[in-house]
Amino acid sequence: IQQVFNYPQINVDVDRTLAAEVGLTQRDV
């Protein structure tokens, strides 16, 4: 099978509400 579906990856899931309280956005992260 040509396509690979188990490439290792690190997911960073930002809590947007928390970030907004300290004046940061997803874009800054």
mmCIF file of all heavy atoms, coordinates in Angstrom:
data_MODEL
# 
_entry.id   MODEL 
# 
loop_
_atom_site.group_PDB 
_atom_site.id 
_atom_site.type_symbol 
_atom_site.label_atom_id 
_atom_site.label_alt_id 
_atom_site.label_comp_id 
_atom_site.label_asym_id 
_atom_site.label_entity_id 
_atom_site.label_seq_id 
_atom_site.pdbx_PDB_ins_code 
_atom_site.Cartn_x 
_atom_site.Cartn_y 
_atom_site.Cartn_z 
_atom_site.occupancy 
_atom_site.B_iso_or_equiv 
_atom_site.pdbx_formal_charge 
_atom_site.auth_seq_id 
_atom_site.auth_comp_id 
_atom_site.auth_asym_id 
_atom_site.auth_atom_id 
_atom_site.pdbx_PDB_model_num 
ATOM 1   N N   . ILE A 1 1  ? 0.865   -1.175 0.000  1.00 0.00 ? 1  ILE A N   1 
ATOM 2   C CA  . ILE A 1 1  ? 0.000   0.000  0.000  1.00 0.00 ? 1  ILE A CA  1 
ATOM 3   C C   . ILE A 1 1  ? 0.902   1.226  0.000  1.00 0.00 ? 1  ILE A C   1 
ATOM 4   O O   . ILE A 1 1  ? 1.808   1.327  0.832  1.00 0.00 ? 1  ILE A O   1 
ATOM 5   C CB  . ILE A 1 1  ? -0.949  -0.006 1.227  1.00 0.00 ? 1  ILE A CB  1 
ATOM 6   C CG1 . ILE A 1 1  ? -1.961  -1.139 1.085  1.00 0.00 ? 1  ILE A CG1 1 
ATOM 7   C CG2 . ILE A 1 1  ? -1.669  1.337  1.358  1.00 0.00 ? 1  ILE A CG2 1 
ATOM 8   C CD1 . ILE A 1 1  ? -2.962  -1.239 2.207  1.00 0.00 ? 1  ILE A CD1 1 
ATOM 9   N N   . GLN A 1 2  ? 0.681   2.118  -0.941 1.00 0.00 ? 2  GLN A N   1 
ATOM 10  C CA  . GLN A 1 2  ? 1.575   3.258  -1.100 1.00 0.00 ? 2  GLN A CA  1 
ATOM 11  C C   . GLN A 1 2  ? 1.449   4.255  0.054  1.00 0.00 ? 2  GLN A C   1 
ATOM 12  O O   . GLN A 1 2  ? 2.431   4.775  0.542  1.00 0.00 ? 2  GLN A O   1 
ATOM 13  C CB  . GLN A 1 2  ? 1.267   3.908  -2.463 1.00 0.00 ? 2  GLN A CB  1 
ATOM 14  C CG  . GLN A 1 2  ? 1.718   5.356  -2.620 1.00 0.00 ? 2  GLN A CG  1 
ATOM 15  C CD  . GLN A 1 2  ? 3.217   5.505  -2.552 1.00 0.00 ? 2  GLN A CD  1 
ATOM 16  O OE1 . GLN A 1 2  ? 3.957   4.542  -2.536 1.00 0.00 ? 2  GLN A OE1 1 
ATOM 17  N NE2 . GLN A 1 2  ? 3.662   6.738  -2.478 1.00 0.00 ? 2  GLN A NE2 1 
ATOM 18  N N   . GLN A 1 3  ? 0.212   4.542  0.497  1.00 0.00 ? 3  GLN A N   1 
ATOM 19  C CA  . GLN A 1 3  ? 0.017   5.568  1.525  1.00 0.00 ? 3  GLN A CA  1 
ATOM 20  C C   . GLN A 1 3  ? 0.355   5.017  2.908  1.00 0.00 ? 3  GLN A C   1 
ATOM 21  O O   . GLN A 1 3  ? 0.107   3.848  3.192  1.00 0.00 ? 3  GLN A O   1 
ATOM 22  C CB  . GLN A 1 3  ? -1.437  6.068  1.521  1.00 0.00 ? 3  GLN A CB  1 
ATOM 23  C CG  . GLN A 1 3  ? -1.780  6.968  0.355  1.00 0.00 ? 3  GLN A CG  1 
ATOM 24  C CD  . GLN A 1 3  ? -1.919  6.222  -0.957 1.00 0.00 ? 3  GLN A CD  1 
ATOM 25  O OE1 . GLN A 1 3  ? -2.020  5.017  -0.973 1.00 0.00 ? 3  GLN A OE1 1 
ATOM 26  N NE2 . GLN A 1 3  ? -1.911  6.945  -2.059 1.00 0.00 ? 3  GLN A NE2 1 
ATOM 27  N N   . VAL A 1 4  ? 0.915   5.898  3.736  1.00 0.00 ? 4  VAL A N   1 
ATOM 28  C CA  . VAL A 1 4  ? 1.299   5.514  5.102  1.00 0.00 ? 4  VAL A CA  1 
ATOM 29  C C   . VAL A 1 4  ? 0.322   6.166  6.065  1.00 0.00 ? 4  VAL A C   1 
ATOM 30  O O   . VAL A 1 4  ? 0.053   7.360  5.959  1.00 0.00 ? 4  VAL A O   1 
ATOM 31  C CB  . VAL A 1 4  ? 2.736   6.007  5.385  1.00 0.00 ? 4  VAL A CB  1 
ATOM 32  C CG1 . VAL A 1 4  ? 3.048   5.934  6.866  1.00 0.00 ? 4  VAL A CG1 1 
ATOM 33  C CG2 . VAL A 1 4  ? 3.730   5.176  4.609  1.00 0.00 ? 4  VAL A CG2 1 
ATOM 34  N N   . PHE A 1 5  ? -0.218  5.384  6.999  1.00 0.00 ? 5  PHE A N   1 
ATOM 35  C CA  . PHE A 1 5  ? -1.200  5.950  7.929  1.00 0.00 ? 5  PHE A CA  1 
ATOM 36  C C   . PHE A 1 5  ? -0.719  5.921  9.374  1.00 0.00 ? 5  PHE A C   1 
ATOM 37  O O   . PHE A 1 5  ? -1.459  6.235  10.281 1.00 0.00 ? 5  PHE A O   1 
ATOM 38  C CB  . PHE A 1 5  ? -2.538  5.199  7.806  1.00 0.00 ? 5  PHE A CB  1 
ATOM 39  C CG  . PHE A 1 5  ? -3.298  5.577  6.573  1.00 0.00 ? 5  PHE A CG  1 
ATOM 40  C CD1 . PHE A 1 5  ? -3.015  4.984  5.358  1.00 0.00 ? 5  PHE A CD1 1 
ATOM 41  C CD2 . PHE A 1 5  ? -4.259  6.562  6.608  1.00 0.00 ? 5  PHE A CD2 1 
ATOM 42  C CE1 . PHE A 1 5  ? -3.691  5.355  4.208  1.00 0.00 ? 5  PHE A CE1 1 
ATOM 43  C CE2 . PHE A 1 5  ? -4.941  6.941  5.468  1.00 0.00 ? 5  PHE A CE2 1 
ATOM 44  C CZ  . PHE A 1 5  ? -4.653  6.340  4.269  1.00 0.00 ? 5  PHE A CZ  1 
ATOM 45  N N   . ASN A 1 6  ? 0.532   5.530  9.586  1.00 0.00 ? 6  ASN A N   1 
ATOM 46  C CA  . ASN A 1 6  ? 1.026   5.474  10.967 1.00 0.00 ? 6  ASN A CA  1 
ATOM 47  C C   . ASN A 1 6  ? 2.291   6.303  11.131 1.00 0.00 ? 6  ASN A C   1 
ATOM 48  O O   . ASN A 1 6  ? 3.251   5.897  11.765 1.00 0.00 ? 6  ASN A O   1 
ATOM 49  C CB  . ASN A 1 6  ? 1.275   4.011  11.376 1.00 0.00 ? 6  ASN A CB  1 
ATOM 50  C CG  . ASN A 1 6  ? 2.239   3.320  10.434 1.00 0.00 ? 6  ASN A CG  1 
ATOM 51  O OD1 . ASN A 1 6  ? 2.519   3.820  9.347  1.00 0.00 ? 6  ASN A OD1 1 
ATOM 52  N ND2 . ASN A 1 6  ? 2.745   2.173  10.840 1.00 0.00 ? 6  ASN A ND2 1 
ATOM 53  N N   . TYR A 1 7  ? 2.293   7.475  10.489 1.00 0.00 ? 7  TYR A N   1 
ATOM 54  C CA  . TYR A 1 7  ? 3.445   8.370  10.620 1.00 0.00 ? 7  TYR A CA  1 
ATOM 55  C C   . TYR A 1 7  ? 3.381   9.033  11.992 1.00 0.00 ? 7  TYR A C   1 
ATOM 56  O O   . TYR A 1 7  ? 2.331   9.549  12.372 1.00 0.00 ? 7  TYR A O   1 
ATOM 57  C CB  . TYR A 1 7  ? 3.391   9.427  9.518  1.00 0.00 ? 7  TYR A CB  1 
ATOM 58  C CG  . TYR A 1 7  ? 4.733   10.025 9.203  1.00 0.00 ? 7  TYR A CG  1 
ATOM 59  C CD1 . TYR A 1 7  ? 5.572   9.419  8.277  1.00 0.00 ? 7  TYR A CD1 1 
ATOM 60  C CD2 . TYR A 1 7  ? 5.161   11.181 9.844  1.00 0.00 ? 7  TYR A CD2 1 
ATOM 61  C CE1 . TYR A 1 7  ? 6.810   9.965  7.988  1.00 0.00 ? 7  TYR A CE1 1 
ATOM 62  C CE2 . TYR A 1 7  ? 6.406   11.722 9.560  1.00 0.00 ? 7  TYR A CE2 1 
ATOM 63  C CZ  . TYR A 1 7  ? 7.219   11.105 8.635  1.00 0.00 ? 7  TYR A CZ  1 
ATOM 64  O OH  . TYR A 1 7  ? 8.451   11.634 8.363  1.00 0.00 ? 7  TYR A OH  1 
ATOM 65  N N   . PRO A 1 8  ? 4.473   9.022  12.792 1.00 0.00 ? 8  PRO A N   1 
ATOM 66  C CA  . PRO A 1 8  ? 4.394   9.575  14.149 1.00 0.00 ? 8  PRO A CA  1 
ATOM 67  C C   . PRO A 1 8  ? 4.157   11.088 14.119 1.00 0.00 ? 8  PRO A C   1 
ATOM 68  O O   . PRO A 1 8  ? 4.747   11.790 13.307 1.00 0.00 ? 8  PRO A O   1 
ATOM 69  C CB  . PRO A 1 8  ? 5.752   9.242  14.756 1.00 0.00 ? 8  PRO A CB  1 
ATOM 70  C CG  . PRO A 1 8  ? 6.632   8.926  13.619 1.00 0.00 ? 8  PRO A CG  1 
ATOM 71  C CD  . PRO A 1 8  ? 5.793   8.478  12.489 1.00 0.00 ? 8  PRO A CD  1 
ATOM 72  N N   . GLN A 1 9  ? 3.286   11.560 15.005 1.00 0.00 ? 9  GLN A N   1 
ATOM 73  C CA  . GLN A 1 9  ? 2.952   12.982 14.998 1.00 0.00 ? 9  GLN A CA  1 
ATOM 74  C C   . GLN A 1 9  ? 2.665   13.435 16.424 1.00 0.00 ? 9  GLN A C   1 
ATOM 75  O O   . GLN A 1 9  ? 2.162   12.657 17.238 1.00 0.00 ? 9  GLN A O   1 
ATOM 76  C CB  . GLN A 1 9  ? 1.718   13.157 14.104 1.00 0.00 ? 9  GLN A CB  1 
ATOM 77  C CG  . GLN A 1 9  ? 0.893   14.397 14.355 1.00 0.00 ? 9  GLN A CG  1 
ATOM 78  C CD  . GLN A 1 9  ? -0.215  14.550 13.321 1.00 0.00 ? 9  GLN A CD  1 
ATOM 79  O OE1 . GLN A 1 9  ? 0.063   14.605 12.133 1.00 0.00 ? 9  GLN A OE1 1 
ATOM 80  N NE2 . GLN A 1 9  ? -1.452  14.594 13.755 1.00 0.00 ? 9  GLN A NE2 1 
ATOM 81  N N   . ILE A 1 10 ? 2.988   14.683 16.725 1.00 0.00 ? 10 ILE A N   1 
ATOM 82  C CA  . ILE A 1 10 ? 2.662   15.251 18.040 1.00 0.00 ? 10 ILE A CA  1 
ATOM 83  C C   . ILE A 1 10 ? 1.539   16.257 17.843 1.00 0.00 ? 10 ILE A C   1 
ATOM 84  O O   . ILE A 1 10 ? 1.658   17.181 17.028 1.00 0.00 ? 10 ILE A O   1 
ATOM 85  C CB  . ILE A 1 10 ? 3.909   15.930 18.665 1.00 0.00 ? 10 ILE A CB  1 
ATOM 86  C CG1 . ILE A 1 10 ? 4.966   14.868 18.955 1.00 0.00 ? 10 ILE A CG1 1 
ATOM 87  C CG2 . ILE A 1 10 ? 3.539   16.686 19.926 1.00 0.00 ? 10 ILE A CG2 1 
ATOM 88  C CD1 . ILE A 1 10 ? 6.297   15.428 19.383 1.00 0.00 ? 10 ILE A CD1 1 
ATOM 89  N N   . ASN A 1 11 ? 0.422   16.050 18.546 1.00 0.00 ? 11 ASN A N   1 
ATOM 90  C CA  . ASN A 1 11 ? -0.719  16.958 18.435 1.00 0.00 ? 11 ASN A CA  1 
ATOM 91  C C   . ASN A 1 11 ? -0.707  17.929 19.609 1.00 0.00 ? 11 ASN A C   1 
ATOM 92  O O   . ASN A 1 11 ? -0.633  17.511 20.753 1.00 0.00 ? 11 ASN A O   1 
ATOM 93  C CB  . ASN A 1 11 ? -2.037  16.179 18.451 1.00 0.00 ? 11 ASN A CB  1 
ATOM 94  C CG  . ASN A 1 11 ? -2.015  15.030 17.463 1.00 0.00 ? 11 ASN A CG  1 
ATOM 95  O OD1 . ASN A 1 11 ? -1.697  15.219 16.302 1.00 0.00 ? 11 ASN A OD1 1 
ATOM 96  N ND2 . ASN A 1 11 ? -2.334  13.826 17.944 1.00 0.00 ? 11 ASN A ND2 1 
ATOM 97  N N   . VAL A 1 12 ? -0.792  19.217 19.309 1.00 0.00 ? 12 VAL A N   1 
ATOM 98  C CA  . VAL A 1 12 ? -0.871  20.245 20.347 1.00 0.00 ? 12 VAL A CA  1 
ATOM 99  C C   . VAL A 1 12 ? -2.291  20.817 20.300 1.00 0.00 ? 12 VAL A C   1 
ATOM 100 O O   . VAL A 1 12 ? -2.657  21.476 19.331 1.00 0.00 ? 12 VAL A O   1 
ATOM 101 C CB  . VAL A 1 12 ? 0.175   21.358 20.100 1.00 0.00 ? 12 VAL A CB  1 
ATOM 102 C CG1 . VAL A 1 12 ? 0.027   22.454 21.139 1.00 0.00 ? 12 VAL A CG1 1 
ATOM 103 C CG2 . VAL A 1 12 ? 1.567   20.772 20.119 1.00 0.00 ? 12 VAL A CG2 1 
ATOM 104 N N   . ASP A 1 13 ? -3.075  20.528 21.342 1.00 0.00 ? 13 ASP A N   1 
ATOM 105 C CA  . ASP A 1 13 ? -4.465  20.978 21.355 1.00 0.00 ? 13 ASP A CA  1 
ATOM 106 C C   . ASP A 1 13 ? -4.588  22.151 22.330 1.00 0.00 ? 13 ASP A C   1 
ATOM 107 O O   . ASP A 1 13 ? -4.529  21.964 23.552 1.00 0.00 ? 13 ASP A O   1 
ATOM 108 C CB  . ASP A 1 13 ? -5.350  19.800 21.787 1.00 0.00 ? 13 ASP A CB  1 
ATOM 109 C CG  . ASP A 1 13 ? -6.814  20.106 21.576 1.00 0.00 ? 13 ASP A CG  1 
ATOM 110 O OD1 . ASP A 1 13 ? -7.097  21.127 20.913 1.00 0.00 ? 13 ASP A OD1 1 
ATOM 111 O OD2 . ASP A 1 13 ? -7.661  19.349 22.081 1.00 0.00 ? 13 ASP A OD2 1 
ATOM 112 N N   . VAL A 1 14 ? -4.754  23.353 21.803 1.00 0.00 ? 14 VAL A N   1 
ATOM 113 C CA  . VAL A 1 14 ? -4.756  24.561 22.636 1.00 0.00 ? 14 VAL A CA  1 
ATOM 114 C C   . VAL A 1 14 ? -6.151  24.781 23.245 1.00 0.00 ? 14 VAL A C   1 
ATOM 115 O O   . VAL A 1 14 ? -7.157  24.666 22.553 1.00 0.00 ? 14 VAL A O   1 
ATOM 116 C CB  . VAL A 1 14 ? -4.351  25.795 21.795 1.00 0.00 ? 14 VAL A CB  1 
ATOM 117 C CG1 . VAL A 1 14 ? -4.405  27.066 22.627 1.00 0.00 ? 14 VAL A CG1 1 
ATOM 118 C CG2 . VAL A 1 14 ? -2.965  25.591 21.202 1.00 0.00 ? 14 VAL A CG2 1 
ATOM 119 N N   . ASP A 1 15 ? -6.181  25.078 24.551 1.00 0.00 ? 15 ASP A N   1 
ATOM 120 C CA  . ASP A 1 15 ? -7.433  25.473 25.203 1.00 0.00 ? 15 ASP A CA  1 
ATOM 121 C C   . ASP A 1 15 ? -7.630  26.966 24.921 1.00 0.00 ? 15 ASP A C   1 
ATOM 122 O O   . ASP A 1 15 ? -7.009  27.819 25.553 1.00 0.00 ? 15 ASP A O   1 
ATOM 123 C CB  . ASP A 1 15 ? -7.320  25.208 26.717 1.00 0.00 ? 15 ASP A CB  1 
ATOM 124 C CG  . ASP A 1 15 ? -8.639  25.463 27.431 1.00 0.00 ? 15 ASP A CG  1 
ATOM 125 O OD1 . ASP A 1 15 ? -9.424  26.292 26.916 1.00 0.00 ? 15 ASP A OD1 1 
ATOM 126 O OD2 . ASP A 1 15 ? -8.870  24.852 28.485 1.00 0.00 ? 15 ASP A OD2 1 
ATOM 127 N N   . ARG A 1 16 ? -8.495  27.274 23.982 1.00 0.00 ? 16 ARG A N   1 
ATOM 128 C CA  . ARG A 1 16 ? -8.586  28.660 23.491 1.00 0.00 ? 16 ARG A CA  1 
ATOM 129 C C   . ARG A 1 16 ? -9.112  29.624 24.557 1.00 0.00 ? 16 ARG A C   1 
ATOM 130 O O   . ARG A 1 16 ? -8.698  30.768 24.619 1.00 0.00 ? 16 ARG A O   1 
ATOM 131 C CB  . ARG A 1 16 ? -9.487  28.725 22.261 1.00 0.00 ? 16 ARG A CB  1 
ATOM 132 C CG  . ARG A 1 16 ? -8.878  27.934 21.120 1.00 0.00 ? 16 ARG A CG  1 
ATOM 133 C CD  . ARG A 1 16 ? -9.689  28.026 19.873 1.00 0.00 ? 16 ARG A CD  1 
ATOM 134 N NE  . ARG A 1 16 ? -9.092  27.169 18.850 1.00 0.00 ? 16 ARG A NE  1 
ATOM 135 C CZ  . ARG A 1 16 ? -9.188  27.395 17.554 1.00 0.00 ? 16 ARG A CZ  1 
ATOM 136 N NH1 . ARG A 1 16 ? -9.852  28.422 17.124 1.00 0.00 ? 16 ARG A NH1 1 
ATOM 137 N NH2 . ARG A 1 16 ? -8.627  26.592 16.693 1.00 0.00 ? 16 ARG A NH2 1 
ATOM 138 N N   . THR A 1 17 ? -10.040 29.136 25.384 1.00 0.00 ? 17 THR A N   1 
ATOM 139 C CA  . THR A 1 17 ? -10.599 30.013 26.434 1.00 0.00 ? 17 THR A CA  1 
ATOM 140 C C   . THR A 1 17 ? -9.496  30.439 27.390 1.00 0.00 ? 17 THR A C   1 
ATOM 141 O O   . THR A 1 17 ? -9.341  31.617 27.727 1.00 0.00 ? 17 THR A O   1 
ATOM 142 C CB  . THR A 1 17 ? -11.695 29.249 27.214 1.00 0.00 ? 17 THR A CB  1 
ATOM 143 O OG1 . THR A 1 17 ? -12.377 28.391 26.315 1.00 0.00 ? 17 THR A OG1 1 
ATOM 144 C CG2 . THR A 1 17 ? -12.666 30.203 27.863 1.00 0.00 ? 17 THR A CG2 1 
ATOM 145 N N   . LEU A 1 18 ? -8.688  29.454 27.805 1.00 0.00 ? 18 LEU A N   1 
ATOM 146 C CA  . LEU A 1 18 ? -7.590  29.717 28.723 1.00 0.00 ? 18 LEU A CA  1 
ATOM 147 C C   . LEU A 1 18 ? -6.590  30.690 28.098 1.00 0.00 ? 18 LEU A C   1 
ATOM 148 O O   . LEU A 1 18 ? -6.123  31.635 28.735 1.00 0.00 ? 18 LEU A O   1 
ATOM 149 C CB  . LEU A 1 18 ? -6.904  28.380 29.047 1.00 0.00 ? 18 LEU A CB  1 
ATOM 150 C CG  . LEU A 1 18 ? -6.067  28.312 30.310 1.00 0.00 ? 18 LEU A CG  1 
ATOM 151 C CD1 . LEU A 1 18 ? -6.943  28.558 31.530 1.00 0.00 ? 18 LEU A CD1 1 
ATOM 152 C CD2 . LEU A 1 18 ? -5.411  26.936 30.417 1.00 0.00 ? 18 LEU A CD2 1 
ATOM 153 N N   . ALA A 1 19 ? -6.290  30.459 26.806 1.00 0.00 ? 19 ALA A N   1 
ATOM 154 C CA  . ALA A 1 19 ? -5.326  31.313 26.113 1.00 0.00 ? 19 ALA A CA  1 
ATOM 155 C C   . ALA A 1 19 ? -5.852  32.744 26.020 1.00 0.00 ? 19 ALA A C   1 
ATOM 156 O O   . ALA A 1 19 ? -5.101  33.707 26.215 1.00 0.00 ? 19 ALA A O   1 
ATOM 157 C CB  . ALA A 1 19 ? -5.056  30.747 24.726 1.00 0.00 ? 19 ALA A CB  1 
ATOM 158 N N   . ALA A 1 20 ? -7.166  32.869 25.758 1.00 0.00 ? 20 ALA A N   1 
ATOM 159 C CA  . ALA A 1 20 ? -7.741  34.214 25.604 1.00 0.00 ? 20 ALA A CA  1 
ATOM 160 C C   . ALA A 1 20 ? -7.659  34.995 26.915 1.00 0.00 ? 20 ALA A C   1 
ATOM 161 O O   . ALA A 1 20 ? -7.482  36.220 26.913 1.00 0.00 ? 20 ALA A O   1 
ATOM 162 C CB  . ALA A 1 20 ? -9.178  34.104 25.142 1.00 0.00 ? 20 ALA A CB  1 
ATOM 163 N N   . GLU A 1 21 ? -7.774  34.284 28.059 1.00 0.00 ? 21 GLU A N   1 
ATOM 164 C CA  . GLU A 1 21 ? -7.733  34.966 29.359 1.00 0.00 ? 21 GLU A CA  1 
ATOM 165 C C   . GLU A 1 21 ? -6.379  35.615 29.616 1.00 0.00 ? 21 GLU A C   1 
ATOM 166 O O   . GLU A 1 21 ? -6.290  36.623 30.302 1.00 0.00 ? 21 GLU A O   1 
ATOM 167 C CB  . GLU A 1 21 ? -8.079  33.982 30.480 1.00 0.00 ? 21 GLU A CB  1 
ATOM 168 C CG  . GLU A 1 21 ? -9.571  33.725 30.578 1.00 0.00 ? 21 GLU A CG  1 
ATOM 169 C CD  . GLU A 1 21 ? -9.929  32.711 31.640 1.00 0.00 ? 21 GLU A CD  1 
ATOM 170 O OE1 . GLU A 1 21 ? -9.034  32.355 32.424 1.00 0.00 ? 21 GLU A OE1 1 
ATOM 171 O OE2 . GLU A 1 21 ? -11.079 32.271 31.670 1.00 0.00 ? 21 GLU A OE2 1 
ATOM 172 N N   . VAL A 1 22 ? -5.318  35.020 29.077 1.00 0.00 ? 22 VAL A N   1 
ATOM 173 C CA  . VAL A 1 22 ? -3.989  35.614 29.275 1.00 0.00 ? 22 VAL A CA  1 
ATOM 174 C C   . VAL A 1 22 ? -3.556  36.419 28.055 1.00 0.00 ? 22 VAL A C   1 
ATOM 175 O O   . VAL A 1 22 ? -2.367  36.732 27.884 1.00 0.00 ? 22 VAL A O   1 
ATOM 176 C CB  . VAL A 1 22 ? -2.928  34.531 29.622 1.00 0.00 ? 22 VAL A CB  1 
ATOM 177 C CG1 . VAL A 1 22 ? -3.218  33.911 30.963 1.00 0.00 ? 22 VAL A CG1 1 
ATOM 178 C CG2 . VAL A 1 22 ? -2.860  33.473 28.536 1.00 0.00 ? 22 VAL A CG2 1 
ATOM 179 N N   . GLY A 1 23 ? -4.530  36.698 27.161 1.00 0.00 ? 23 GLY A N   1 
ATOM 180 C CA  . GLY A 1 23 ? -4.246  37.579 26.024 1.00 0.00 ? 23 GLY A CA  1 
ATOM 181 C C   . GLY A 1 23 ? -3.499  36.929 24.880 1.00 0.00 ? 23 GLY A C   1 
ATOM 182 O O   . GLY A 1 23 ? -2.778  37.594 24.149 1.00 0.00 ? 23 GLY A O   1 
ATOM 183 N N   . LEU A 1 24 ? -3.648  35.594 24.741 1.00 0.00 ? 24 LEU A N   1 
ATOM 184 C CA  . LEU A 1 24 ? -2.978  34.911 23.617 1.00 0.00 ? 24 LEU A CA  1 
ATOM 185 C C   . LEU A 1 24 ? -4.030  34.262 22.712 1.00 0.00 ? 24 LEU A C   1 
ATOM 186 O O   . LEU A 1 24 ? -5.108  33.891 23.159 1.00 0.00 ? 24 LEU A O   1 
ATOM 187 C CB  . LEU A 1 24 ? -2.018  33.838 24.140 1.00 0.00 ? 24 LEU A CB  1 
ATOM 188 C CG  . LEU A 1 24 ? -0.793  34.343 24.895 1.00 0.00 ? 24 LEU A CG  1 
ATOM 189 C CD1 . LEU A 1 24 ? -0.061  33.176 25.526 1.00 0.00 ? 24 LEU A CD1 1 
ATOM 190 C CD2 . LEU A 1 24 ? 0.146   35.104 23.980 1.00 0.00 ? 24 LEU A CD2 1 
ATOM 191 N N   . THR A 1 25 ? -3.677  34.090 21.421 1.00 0.00 ? 25 THR A N   1 
ATOM 192 C CA  . THR A 1 25 ? -4.592  33.432 20.482 1.00 0.00 ? 25 THR A CA  1 
ATOM 193 C C   . THR A 1 25 ? -3.918  32.188 19.906 1.00 0.00 ? 25 THR A C   1 
ATOM 194 O O   . THR A 1 25 ? -2.715  31.975 20.097 1.00 0.00 ? 25 THR A O   1 
ATOM 195 C CB  . THR A 1 25 ? -4.937  34.367 19.312 1.00 0.00 ? 25 THR A CB  1 
ATOM 196 O OG1 . THR A 1 25 ? -3.722  34.648 18.618 1.00 0.00 ? 25 THR A OG1 1 
ATOM 197 C CG2 . THR A 1 25 ? -5.571  35.662 19.778 1.00 0.00 ? 25 THR A CG2 1 
ATOM 198 N N   . GLN A 1 26 ? -4.715  31.426 19.199 1.00 0.00 ? 26 GLN A N   1 
ATOM 199 C CA  . GLN A 1 26 ? -4.204  30.220 18.531 1.00 0.00 ? 26 GLN A CA  1 
ATOM 200 C C   . GLN A 1 26 ? -3.055  30.598 17.593 1.00 0.00 ? 26 GLN A C   1 
ATOM 201 O O   . GLN A 1 26 ? -2.071  29.878 17.467 1.00 0.00 ? 26 GLN A O   1 
ATOM 202 C CB  . GLN A 1 26 ? -5.356  29.595 17.737 1.00 0.00 ? 26 GLN A CB  1 
ATOM 203 C CG  . GLN A 1 26 ? -4.978  28.368 16.934 1.00 0.00 ? 26 GLN A CG  1 
ATOM 204 C CD  . GLN A 1 26 ? -5.052  27.095 17.742 1.00 0.00 ? 26 GLN A CD  1 
ATOM 205 O OE1 . GLN A 1 26 ? -5.503  27.092 18.882 1.00 0.00 ? 26 GLN A OE1 1 
ATOM 206 N NE2 . GLN A 1 26 ? -4.595  26.005 17.173 1.00 0.00 ? 26 GLN A NE2 1 
ATOM 207 N N   . ARG A 1 27 ? -3.186  31.755 16.968 1.00 0.00 ? 27 ARG A N   1 
ATOM 208 C CA  . ARG A 1 27 ? -2.174  32.190 16.001 1.00 0.00 ? 27 ARG A CA  1 
ATOM 209 C C   . ARG A 1 27 ? -0.827  32.444 16.685 1.00 0.00 ? 27 ARG A C   1 
ATOM 210 O O   . ARG A 1 27 ? 0.230   32.095 16.138 1.00 0.00 ? 27 ARG A O   1 
ATOM 211 C CB  . ARG A 1 27 ? -2.665  33.457 15.319 1.00 0.00 ? 27 ARG A CB  1 
ATOM 212 C CG  . ARG A 1 27 ? -1.748  33.880 14.212 1.00 0.00 ? 27 ARG A CG  1 
ATOM 213 C CD  . ARG A 1 27 ? -2.243  35.128 13.546 1.00 0.00 ? 27 ARG A CD  1 
ATOM 214 N NE  . ARG A 1 27 ? -1.245  35.587 12.597 1.00 0.00 ? 27 ARG A NE  1 
ATOM 215 C CZ  . ARG A 1 27 ? -1.322  36.733 11.963 1.00 0.00 ? 27 ARG A CZ  1 
ATOM 216 N NH1 . ARG A 1 27 ? -2.345  37.528 12.171 1.00 0.00 ? 27 ARG A NH1 1 
ATOM 217 N NH2 . ARG A 1 27 ? -0.385  37.103 11.125 1.00 0.00 ? 27 ARG A NH2 1 
ATOM 218 N N   . ASP A 1 28 ? -0.863  33.001 17.887 1.00 0.00 ? 28 ASP A N   1 
ATOM 219 C CA  . ASP A 1 28 ? 0.393   33.239 18.616 1.00 0.00 ? 28 ASP A CA  1 
ATOM 220 C C   . ASP A 1 28 ? 1.090   31.915 18.926 1.00 0.00 ? 28 ASP A C   1 
ATOM 221 O O   . ASP A 1 28 ? 2.313   31.796 18.807 1.00 0.00 ? 28 ASP A O   1 
ATOM 222 C CB  . ASP A 1 28 ? 0.104   33.984 19.931 1.00 0.00 ? 28 ASP A CB  1 
ATOM 223 C CG  . ASP A 1 28 ? -0.499  35.359 19.679 1.00 0.00 ? 28 ASP A CG  1 
ATOM 224 O OD1 . ASP A 1 28 ? -0.120  35.981 18.669 1.00 0.00 ? 28 ASP A OD1 1 
ATOM 225 O OD2 . ASP A 1 28 ? -1.339  35.798 20.484 1.00 0.00 ? 28 ASP A OD2 1 
ATOM 226 N N   . VAL A 1 29 ? 0.271   30.926 19.326 1.00 0.00 ? 29 VAL A N   1 
ATOM 227 C CA  . VAL A 1 29 ? 0.840   29.607 19.647 1.00 0.00 ? 29 VAL A CA  1 
ATOM 228 C C   . VAL A 1 29 ? 1.500   29.022 18.395 1.00 0.00 ? 29 VAL A C   1 
ATOM 229 O O   . VAL A 1 29 ? 2.638   28.548 18.423 1.00 0.00 ? 29 VAL A O   1 
ATOM 230 C CB  . VAL A 1 29 ? -0.258  28.657 20.177 1.00 0.00 ? 29 VAL A CB  1 
ATOM 231 C CG1 . VAL A 1 29 ? 0.318   27.268 20.426 1.00 0.00 ? 29 VAL A CG1 1 
ATOM 232 C CG2 . VAL A 1 29 ? -0.866  29.208 21.456 1.00 0.00 ? 29 VAL A CG2 1 
# 
